[in-house]
Amino acid sequence: MEPSQLLQKIGLDANESLVYLASLRLGPASVLALSRATHLNRPLLYKVLEKMGTDGLITTTLSGKRKLYVAIEPSQLLHYLKEKEATLKEGLPEILALSNLGSRRPKIKYYEGREQLQELYREAGYRTRTKEILCFFPTKHMIEVFGKAGTVEVIKERIAHKIRTRTLRPPRGDEVFEGSELRQEALREVRYLPTEEPFEMGIIISDDKVNIFAPVEENFGMQIESAAFSKVMRYFFETVWAESKAE
C-alpha cells in the first residue's frame, strides 16, 4: 500500500497526507518550500498546516526569524491514533444515545431470491434473543425455499440453538419430510387451523420482528422490526392458536 493511501486510511485527508510526506522528506521547512513540494497554493497550505497543528501532526520551530514546520515522526502516529480512540470513547455514550433514539423507529428490510430467503429464515428461526418463535408456516413453503434435505438441516440448527417453536399449520394436506412428525424432540408444538383456507405466505414472529415469506413464485421476503407491530401480530397469533386444534 502506498504511504499516502495508508495515511488516508488512518484519517488524514489527501492534502494532509501530501503535506505530511513532503515534510518528512524536507525536514524543517518553510511554507514556501512546502508549497513548492506539494503544489498547494499558500492560502490552502496554511489551512492544512493549521489543522495538522491542532491534530498534533505538525509542530513548528524557529530558524532565526523564519517559522519552519516539522512533521512528527512516523512512530508517533500510533500515539496520534490512540488520542483519536480516547476522544471517541469519551464521546461514545452521547453517540449511542442518539442511536438508541433511532432504534425505536420501525425498520423494514427487503429480501429477494432463494438465498436471501434462506438467510431471512435463519435470522428469524434461531438468531433470536428469546427462546421461542411463533410460526404461520406451511411445510411446503419451507421445502420450496430449502428443499427437503435443507429443511431438515435448518430445523436441526434451530434445535441446536434450543429455540422452541409454536407452529400453526393447514388442517390437512401439508407436506412431510424427515422428522416433520417429531414434537418434543424437535422443540415443536403444532396446532391445526380451524378452516381450510390455504396459507399464501409464511410468517415467523421472533423478538420484535415479523418476518414474511412470499410464495416461491413471488420470490421475496420482508422483515419488519417494530415492537408495536410485532405485539399486534402476536395477539392475532395467540387468538388463532386458541381456536386451533391440538393434535
C-alpha atoms as a PDB file:
ATOM      1  CA  MET A   1       0.000   0.000   0.000  1.00  0.00           C
ATOM      2  CA  GLU A   2       1.292   3.475  -0.875  1.00  0.00           C
ATOM      3  CA  PRO A   3       2.214   5.684   2.132  1.00  0.00           C
ATOM      4  CA  SER A   4      -0.372   8.295   1.118  1.00  0.00           C
ATOM      5  CA  GLN A   5      -3.084   5.631   0.977  1.00  0.00           C
ATOM      6  CA  LEU A   6      -2.092   4.324   4.403  1.00  0.00           C
ATOM      7  CA  LEU A   7      -2.239   7.819   5.887  1.00  0.00           C
ATOM      8  CA  GLN A   8      -5.691   8.379   4.433  1.00  0.00           C
ATOM      9  CA  LYS A   9      -6.851   5.077   5.907  1.00  0.00           C
ATOM     10  CA  ILE A  10      -5.934   6.299   9.394  1.00  0.00           C
ATOM     11  CA  GLY A  11      -7.854   9.543   8.981  1.00  0.00           C
ATOM     12  CA  LEU A  12      -5.764  12.108   7.118  1.00  0.00           C
ATOM     13  CA  ASP A  13      -7.279  13.638   4.015  1.00  0.00           C
ATOM     14  CA  ALA A  14      -5.442  13.774   0.676  1.00  0.00           C
ATOM     15  CA  ASN A  15      -3.885  17.218   1.266  1.00  0.00           C
ATOM     16  CA  GLU A  16      -2.799  16.357   4.813  1.00  0.00           C
ATOM     17  CA  SER A  17      -1.152  13.163   3.556  1.00  0.00           C
ATOM     18  CA  LEU A  18       0.646  15.143   0.868  1.00  0.00           C
ATOM     19  CA  VAL A  19       1.927  17.735   3.342  1.00  0.00           C
ATOM     20  CA  TYR A  20       2.951  15.156   5.947  1.00  0.00           C
ATOM     21  CA  LEU A  21       5.025  13.132   3.465  1.00  0.00           C
ATOM     22  CA  ALA A  22       6.597  16.265   1.975  1.00  0.00           C
ATOM     23  CA  SER A  23       7.511  17.493   5.444  1.00  0.00           C
ATOM     24  CA  LEU A  24       9.148  14.159   6.267  1.00  0.00           C
ATOM     25  CA  ARG A  25      11.254  14.356   3.115  1.00  0.00           C
ATOM     26  CA  LEU A  26      12.243  18.008   3.574  1.00  0.00           C
ATOM     27  CA  GLY A  27      12.755  18.105   7.316  1.00  0.00           C
ATOM     28  CA  PRO A  28      12.088  21.519   8.916  1.00  0.00           C
ATOM     29  CA  ALA A  29      10.641  23.550   6.042  1.00  0.00           C
ATOM     30  CA  SER A  30       9.087  26.925   5.340  1.00  0.00           C
ATOM     31  CA  VAL A  31       5.635  27.413   3.885  1.00  0.00           C
ATOM     32  CA  LEU A  32       7.275  28.374   0.587  1.00  0.00           C
ATOM     33  CA  ALA A  33       9.267  25.122   0.455  1.00  0.00           C
ATOM     34  CA  LEU A  34       6.207  23.046   1.348  1.00  0.00           C
ATOM     35  CA  SER A  35       4.109  24.858  -1.238  1.00  0.00           C
ATOM     36  CA  ARG A  36       6.650  24.059  -3.940  1.00  0.00           C
ATOM     37  CA  ALA A  37       6.934  20.412  -2.849  1.00  0.00           C
ATOM     38  CA  THR A  38       3.182  19.801  -2.640  1.00  0.00           C
ATOM     39  CA  HIS A  39       1.970  22.166  -5.395  1.00  0.00           C
ATOM     40  CA  LEU A  40      -0.634  23.510  -2.969  1.00  0.00           C
ATOM     41  CA  ASN A  41      -1.259  27.247  -3.040  1.00  0.00           C
ATOM     42  CA  ARG A  42      -0.202  29.063   0.104  1.00  0.00           C
ATOM     43  CA  PRO A  43      -3.680  30.057   1.408  1.00  0.00           C
ATOM     44  CA  LEU A  44      -4.799  26.413   1.231  1.00  0.00           C
ATOM     45  CA  LEU A  45      -1.494  25.200   2.673  1.00  0.00           C
ATOM     46  CA  TYR A  46      -1.856  27.491   5.689  1.00  0.00           C
ATOM     47  CA  LYS A  47      -5.302  25.988   6.406  1.00  0.00           C
ATOM     48  CA  VAL A  48      -3.949  22.450   6.097  1.00  0.00           C
ATOM     49  CA  LEU A  49      -0.989  23.230   8.369  1.00  0.00           C
ATOM     50  CA  GLU A  50      -3.247  24.870  10.949  1.00  0.00           C
ATOM     51  CA  LYS A  51      -5.462  21.789  11.154  1.00  0.00           C
ATOM     52  CA  MET A  52      -2.497  19.417  11.254  1.00  0.00           C
ATOM     53  CA  GLY A  53      -1.004  21.509  14.044  1.00  0.00           C
ATOM     54  CA  THR A  54      -4.251  21.258  16.019  1.00  0.00           C
ATOM     55  CA  ASP A  55      -4.270  17.478  15.479  1.00  0.00           C
ATOM     56  CA  GLY A  56      -0.660  17.195  16.632  1.00  0.00           C
ATOM     57  CA  LEU A  57       0.706  16.014  13.291  1.00  0.00           C
ATOM     58  CA  ILE A  58       2.855  19.095  12.612  1.00  0.00           C
ATOM     59  CA  THR A  59       4.952  21.162  15.009  1.00  0.00           C
ATOM     60  CA  THR A  60       6.756  24.455  14.428  1.00  0.00           C
ATOM     61  CA  THR A  61      10.243  25.719  15.176  1.00  0.00           C
ATOM     62  CA  LEU A  62      12.127  28.947  14.528  1.00  0.00           C
ATOM     63  CA  SER A  63      15.255  29.395  12.463  1.00  0.00           C
ATOM     64  CA  GLY A  64      16.222  32.984  13.014  1.00  0.00           C
ATOM     65  CA  LYS A  65      13.016  34.841  12.264  1.00  0.00           C
ATOM     66  CA  ARG A  66      11.591  32.164   9.984  1.00  0.00           C
ATOM     67  CA  LYS A  67       8.893  29.752  11.134  1.00  0.00           C
ATOM     68  CA  LEU A  68       9.558  26.228   9.983  1.00  0.00           C
ATOM     69  CA  TYR A  69       7.158  23.289  10.010  1.00  0.00           C
ATOM     70  CA  VAL A  70       8.174  19.803  11.149  1.00  0.00           C
ATOM     71  CA  ALA A  71       6.165  16.577  10.788  1.00  0.00           C
ATOM     72  CA  ILE A  72       6.001  14.273  13.792  1.00  0.00           C
ATOM     73  CA  GLU A  73       7.976  11.059  13.479  1.00  0.00           C
ATOM     74  CA  PRO A  74       6.086   8.151  11.869  1.00  0.00           C
ATOM     75  CA  SER A  75       6.431   6.186  15.125  1.00  0.00           C
ATOM     76  CA  GLN A  76       4.361   8.893  16.832  1.00  0.00           C
ATOM     77  CA  LEU A  77       1.399   8.196  14.557  1.00  0.00           C
ATOM     78  CA  LEU A  78       0.374   5.392  16.924  1.00  0.00           C
ATOM     79  CA  HIS A  79       0.087   7.969  19.712  1.00  0.00           C
ATOM     80  CA  TYR A  80      -1.996  10.122  17.354  1.00  0.00           C
ATOM     81  CA  LEU A  81      -4.362   7.196  16.754  1.00  0.00           C
ATOM     82  CA  LYS A  82      -4.610   6.444  20.485  1.00  0.00           C
ATOM     83  CA  GLU A  83      -5.632  10.042  21.123  1.00  0.00           C
ATOM     84  CA  LYS A  84      -8.328   9.709  18.461  1.00  0.00           C
ATOM     85  CA  GLU A  85      -9.522   6.489  20.106  1.00  0.00           C
ATOM     86  CA  ALA A  86      -9.639   8.157  23.536  1.00  0.00           C
ATOM     87  CA  THR A  87     -11.661  11.042  22.111  1.00  0.00           C
ATOM     88  CA  LEU A  88     -14.111   8.619  20.509  1.00  0.00           C
ATOM     89  CA  LYS A  89     -14.519   6.626  23.733  1.00  0.00           C
ATOM     90  CA  GLU A  90     -15.244   9.827  25.639  1.00  0.00           C
ATOM     91  CA  GLY A  91     -17.965  10.883  23.220  1.00  0.00           C
ATOM     92  CA  LEU A  92     -19.350   7.421  22.506  1.00  0.00           C
ATOM     93  CA  PRO A  93     -22.129   7.463  25.151  1.00  0.00           C
ATOM     94  CA  GLU A  94     -23.714  10.519  23.524  1.00  0.00           C
ATOM     95  CA  ILE A  95     -23.496   8.904  20.090  1.00  0.00           C
ATOM     96  CA  LEU A  96     -25.032   5.687  21.423  1.00  0.00           C
ATOM     97  CA  ALA A  97     -27.853   7.701  22.967  1.00  0.00           C
ATOM     98  CA  LEU A  98     -28.682   9.044  19.503  1.00  0.00           C
ATOM     99  CA  SER A  99     -28.535   5.506  18.127  1.00  0.00           C
ATOM    100  CA  ASN A 100     -30.989   4.300  20.771  1.00  0.00           C
ATOM    101  CA  LEU A 101     -33.425   7.022  19.794  1.00  0.00           C
ATOM    102  CA  GLY A 102     -33.199   5.913  16.180  1.00  0.00           C
ATOM    103  CA  SER A 103     -33.621   2.270  17.107  1.00  0.00           C
ATOM    104  CA  ARG A 104     -37.187   2.959  18.243  1.00  0.00           C
ATOM    105  CA  ARG A 105     -38.207   3.636  14.681  1.00  0.00           C
ATOM    106  CA  PRO A 106     -39.574   0.691  12.720  1.00  0.00           C
ATOM    107  CA  LYS A 107     -37.046  -0.939  10.411  1.00  0.00           C
ATOM    108  CA  ILE A 108     -38.017  -2.718   7.227  1.00  0.00           C
ATOM    109  CA  LYS A 109     -35.681  -4.994   5.270  1.00  0.00           C
ATOM    110  CA  TYR A 110     -36.457  -6.497   1.884  1.00  0.00           C
ATOM    111  CA  TYR A 111     -35.157  -9.881   0.727  1.00  0.00           C
ATOM    112  CA  GLU A 112     -35.264 -11.281  -2.792  1.00  0.00           C
ATOM    113  CA  GLY A 113     -34.243 -14.636  -4.210  1.00  0.00           C
ATOM    114  CA  ARG A 114     -33.875 -18.051  -2.650  1.00  0.00           C
ATOM    115  CA  GLU A 115     -30.521 -17.420  -0.947  1.00  0.00           C
ATOM    116  CA  GLN A 116     -31.777 -14.257   0.742  1.00  0.00           C
ATOM    117  CA  LEU A 117     -34.975 -16.018   1.825  1.00  0.00           C
ATOM    118  CA  GLN A 118     -32.861 -18.753   3.384  1.00  0.00           C
ATOM    119  CA  GLU A 119     -30.861 -16.120   5.253  1.00  0.00           C
ATOM    120  CA  LEU A 120     -34.087 -14.467   6.445  1.00  0.00           C
ATOM    121  CA  TYR A 121     -35.348 -17.802   7.756  1.00  0.00           C
ATOM    122  CA  ARG A 122     -32.112 -18.434   9.651  1.00  0.00           C
ATOM    123  CA  GLU A 123     -32.201 -14.982  11.207  1.00  0.00           C
ATOM    124  CA  ALA A 124     -35.862 -15.385  12.171  1.00  0.00           C
ATOM    125  CA  GLY A 125     -35.597 -19.017  13.201  1.00  0.00           C
ATOM    126  CA  TYR A 126     -32.665 -19.091  15.579  1.00  0.00           C
ATOM    127  CA  ARG A 127     -30.745 -15.817  15.642  1.00  0.00           C
ATOM    128  CA  THR A 128     -33.115 -14.532  18.267  1.00  0.00           C
ATOM    129  CA  ARG A 129     -32.813 -13.317  21.859  1.00  0.00           C
ATOM    130  CA  THR A 130     -35.927 -15.145  23.012  1.00  0.00           C
ATOM    131  CA  LYS A 131     -36.145 -18.921  23.092  1.00  0.00           C
ATOM    132  CA  GLU A 132     -39.472 -19.230  21.270  1.00  0.00           C
ATOM    133  CA  ILE A 133     -40.686 -18.299  17.814  1.00  0.00           C
ATOM    134  CA  LEU A 134     -44.257 -18.229  16.527  1.00  0.00           C
ATOM    135  CA  CYS A 135     -44.908 -19.545  13.026  1.00  0.00           C
ATOM    136  CA  PHE A 136     -47.638 -19.470  10.421  1.00  0.00           C
ATOM    137  CA  PHE A 137     -45.514 -21.500   8.064  1.00  0.00           C
ATOM    138  CA  PRO A 138     -46.737 -24.297   5.792  1.00  0.00           C
ATOM    139  CA  THR A 139     -44.149 -27.030   5.381  1.00  0.00           C
ATOM    140  CA  LYS A 140     -44.469 -26.777   1.600  1.00  0.00           C
ATOM    141  CA  HIS A 141     -43.120 -23.214   1.758  1.00  0.00           C
ATOM    142  CA  MET A 142     -40.023 -24.364   3.626  1.00  0.00           C
ATOM    143  CA  ILE A 143     -39.436 -27.173   1.160  1.00  0.00           C
ATOM    144  CA  GLU A 144     -39.796 -24.748  -1.756  1.00  0.00           C
ATOM    145  CA  VAL A 145     -37.129 -22.497  -0.221  1.00  0.00           C
ATOM    146  CA  PHE A 146     -34.703 -25.082   1.213  1.00  0.00           C
ATOM    147  CA  GLY A 147     -35.587 -28.402  -0.429  1.00  0.00           C
ATOM    148  CA  LYS A 148     -36.401 -31.390   1.800  1.00  0.00           C
ATOM    149  CA  ALA A 149     -32.817 -32.084   2.864  1.00  0.00           C
ATOM    150  CA  GLY A 150     -32.188 -28.391   3.528  1.00  0.00           C
ATOM    151  CA  THR A 151     -35.380 -28.151   5.579  1.00  0.00           C
ATOM    152  CA  VAL A 152     -34.172 -30.961   7.824  1.00  0.00           C
ATOM    153  CA  GLU A 153     -30.828 -29.196   8.297  1.00  0.00           C
ATOM    154  CA  VAL A 154     -32.218 -25.768   9.258  1.00  0.00           C
ATOM    155  CA  ILE A 155     -34.559 -27.396  11.766  1.00  0.00           C
ATOM    156  CA  LYS A 156     -31.587 -29.231  13.270  1.00  0.00           C
ATOM    157  CA  GLU A 157     -29.823 -25.878  13.547  1.00  0.00           C
ATOM    158  CA  ARG A 158     -32.826 -24.381  15.358  1.00  0.00           C
ATOM    159  CA  ILE A 159     -32.887 -27.313  17.781  1.00  0.00           C
ATOM    160  CA  ALA A 160     -29.139 -26.938  18.369  1.00  0.00           C
ATOM    161  CA  HIS A 161     -29.791 -23.324  19.385  1.00  0.00           C
ATOM    162  CA  LYS A 162     -32.547 -24.565  21.751  1.00  0.00           C
ATOM    163  CA  ILE A 163     -35.207 -22.397  20.130  1.00  0.00           C
ATOM    164  CA  ARG A 164     -38.740 -23.681  20.666  1.00  0.00           C
ATOM    165  CA  THR A 165     -41.458 -23.103  18.087  1.00  0.00           C
ATOM    166  CA  ARG A 166     -45.211 -22.979  18.151  1.00  0.00           C
ATOM    167  CA  THR A 167     -46.459 -23.591  14.634  1.00  0.00           C
ATOM    168  CA  LEU A 168     -49.854 -23.199  13.004  1.00  0.00           C
ATOM    169  CA  ARG A 169     -50.377 -25.475  10.011  1.00  0.00           C
ATOM    170  CA  PRO A 170     -53.150 -26.015   7.476  1.00  0.00           C
ATOM    171  CA  PRO A 171     -55.723 -28.563   8.704  1.00  0.00           C
ATOM    172  CA  ARG A 172     -54.682 -31.145   6.145  1.00  0.00           C
ATOM    173  CA  GLY A 173     -52.557 -31.784   3.096  1.00  0.00           C
ATOM    174  CA  ASP A 174     -49.322 -30.295   4.440  1.00  0.00           C
ATOM    175  CA  GLU A 175     -46.176 -31.888   3.070  1.00  0.00           C
ATOM    176  CA  VAL A 176     -43.999 -34.122   5.225  1.00  0.00           C
ATOM    177  CA  PHE A 177     -40.241 -34.520   5.482  1.00  0.00           C
ATOM    178  CA  GLU A 178     -37.838 -36.462   7.657  1.00  0.00           C
ATOM    179  CA  GLY A 179     -38.623 -35.547  11.265  1.00  0.00           C
ATOM    180  CA  SER A 180     -41.728 -33.474  10.488  1.00  0.00           C
ATOM    181  CA  GLU A 181     -43.741 -35.718  12.804  1.00  0.00           C
ATOM    182  CA  LEU A 182     -41.457 -35.031  15.790  1.00  0.00           C
ATOM    183  CA  ARG A 183     -42.740 -32.759  18.532  1.00  0.00           C
ATOM    184  CA  GLN A 184     -40.940 -32.793  21.877  1.00  0.00           C
ATOM    185  CA  GLU A 185     -37.620 -33.878  20.357  1.00  0.00           C
ATOM    186  CA  ALA A 186     -37.879 -31.080  17.790  1.00  0.00           C
ATOM    187  CA  LEU A 187     -38.877 -28.447  20.393  1.00  0.00           C
ATOM    188  CA  ARG A 188     -42.035 -28.053  18.335  1.00  0.00           C
ATOM    189  CA  GLU A 189     -45.693 -27.638  19.270  1.00  0.00           C
ATOM    190  CA  VAL A 190     -48.176 -27.811  16.411  1.00  0.00           C
ATOM    191  CA  ARG A 191     -51.803 -26.860  16.071  1.00  0.00           C
ATOM    192  CA  TYR A 192     -54.008 -27.053  13.001  1.00  0.00           C
ATOM    193  CA  LEU A 193     -56.054 -24.147  11.721  1.00  0.00           C
ATOM    194  CA  PRO A 194     -59.817 -24.408  12.131  1.00  0.00           C
ATOM    195  CA  THR A 195     -60.518 -23.531   8.488  1.00  0.00           C
ATOM    196  CA  GLU A 196     -59.489 -24.903   5.115  1.00  0.00           C
ATOM    197  CA  GLU A 197     -58.179 -21.550   3.897  1.00  0.00           C
ATOM    198  CA  PRO A 198     -54.710 -22.173   2.441  1.00  0.00           C
ATOM    199  CA  PHE A 199     -51.702 -20.188   3.533  1.00  0.00           C
ATOM    200  CA  GLU A 200     -50.420 -17.941   0.771  1.00  0.00           C
ATOM    201  CA  MET A 201     -47.493 -16.652   2.829  1.00  0.00           C
ATOM    202  CA  GLY A 202     -45.307 -17.806   5.687  1.00  0.00           C
ATOM    203  CA  ILE A 203     -44.870 -15.679   8.807  1.00  0.00           C
ATOM    204  CA  ILE A 204     -42.403 -16.036  11.674  1.00  0.00           C
ATOM    205  CA  ILE A 205     -42.619 -13.779  14.725  1.00  0.00           C
ATOM    206  CA  SER A 206     -39.390 -13.530  16.719  1.00  0.00           C
ATOM    207  CA  ASP A 207     -38.343 -10.870  19.223  1.00  0.00           C
ATOM    208  CA  ASP A 208     -39.776  -7.578  17.916  1.00  0.00           C
ATOM    209  CA  LYS A 209     -39.544  -8.778  14.315  1.00  0.00           C
ATOM    210  CA  VAL A 210     -42.246 -10.016  11.966  1.00  0.00           C
ATOM    211  CA  ASN A 211     -40.700 -11.982   9.106  1.00  0.00           C
ATOM    212  CA  ILE A 212     -42.812 -12.513   5.998  1.00  0.00           C
ATOM    213  CA  PHE A 213     -42.159 -15.086   3.276  1.00  0.00           C
ATOM    214  CA  ALA A 214     -43.995 -14.767  -0.041  1.00  0.00           C
ATOM    215  CA  PRO A 215     -44.867 -17.807  -2.185  1.00  0.00           C
ATOM    216  CA  VAL A 216     -41.911 -19.081  -4.163  1.00  0.00           C
ATOM    217  CA  GLU A 217     -43.327 -17.746  -7.435  1.00  0.00           C
ATOM    218  CA  GLU A 218     -43.196 -14.216  -5.979  1.00  0.00           C
ATOM    219  CA  ASN A 219     -39.744 -14.909  -4.546  1.00  0.00           C
ATOM    220  CA  PHE A 220     -39.415 -12.203  -1.887  1.00  0.00           C
ATOM    221  CA  GLY A 221     -39.478 -11.721   1.868  1.00  0.00           C
ATOM    222  CA  MET A 222     -39.673  -8.865   4.348  1.00  0.00           C
ATOM    223  CA  GLN A 223     -38.612  -8.262   7.913  1.00  0.00           C
ATOM    224  CA  ILE A 224     -40.463  -5.589   9.878  1.00  0.00           C
ATOM    225  CA  GLU A 225     -38.802  -4.696  13.171  1.00  0.00           C
ATOM    226  CA  SER A 226     -41.346  -2.864  15.286  1.00  0.00           C
ATOM    227  CA  ALA A 227     -42.363  -3.507  18.889  1.00  0.00           C
ATOM    228  CA  ALA A 228     -45.893  -2.242  18.225  1.00  0.00           C
ATOM    229  CA  PHE A 229     -46.421  -4.250  15.027  1.00  0.00           C
ATOM    230  CA  SER A 230     -44.989  -7.452  16.498  1.00  0.00           C
ATOM    231  CA  LYS A 231     -47.248  -7.026  19.543  1.00  0.00           C
ATOM    232  CA  VAL A 232     -50.323  -6.848  17.300  1.00  0.00           C
ATOM    233  CA  MET A 233     -49.177  -9.875  15.283  1.00  0.00           C
ATOM    234  CA  ARG A 234     -48.568 -11.846  18.481  1.00  0.00           C
ATOM    235  CA  TYR A 235     -52.101 -11.028  19.582  1.00  0.00           C
ATOM    236  CA  PHE A 236     -53.503 -12.329  16.280  1.00  0.00           C
ATOM    237  CA  PHE A 237     -51.348 -15.452  16.560  1.00  0.00           C
ATOM    238  CA  GLU A 238     -52.487 -16.202  20.112  1.00  0.00           C
ATOM    239  CA  THR A 239     -56.128 -15.646  19.137  1.00  0.00           C
ATOM    240  CA  VAL A 240     -55.880 -18.090  16.238  1.00  0.00           C
ATOM    241  CA  TRP A 241     -53.818 -20.502  18.353  1.00  0.00           C
ATOM    242  CA  ALA A 242     -56.568 -20.646  20.966  1.00  0.00           C
ATOM    243  CA  GLU A 243     -59.126 -21.501  18.252  1.00  0.00           C
ATOM    244  CA  SER A 244     -56.956 -24.086  16.527  1.00  0.00           C
ATOM    245  CA  LYS A 245     -56.972 -27.827  17.087  1.00  0.00           C
ATOM    246  CA  ALA A 246     -54.291 -29.525  19.097  1.00  0.00           C
ATOM    247  CA  GLU A 247     -53.103 -32.904  17.870  1.00  0.00           C
END
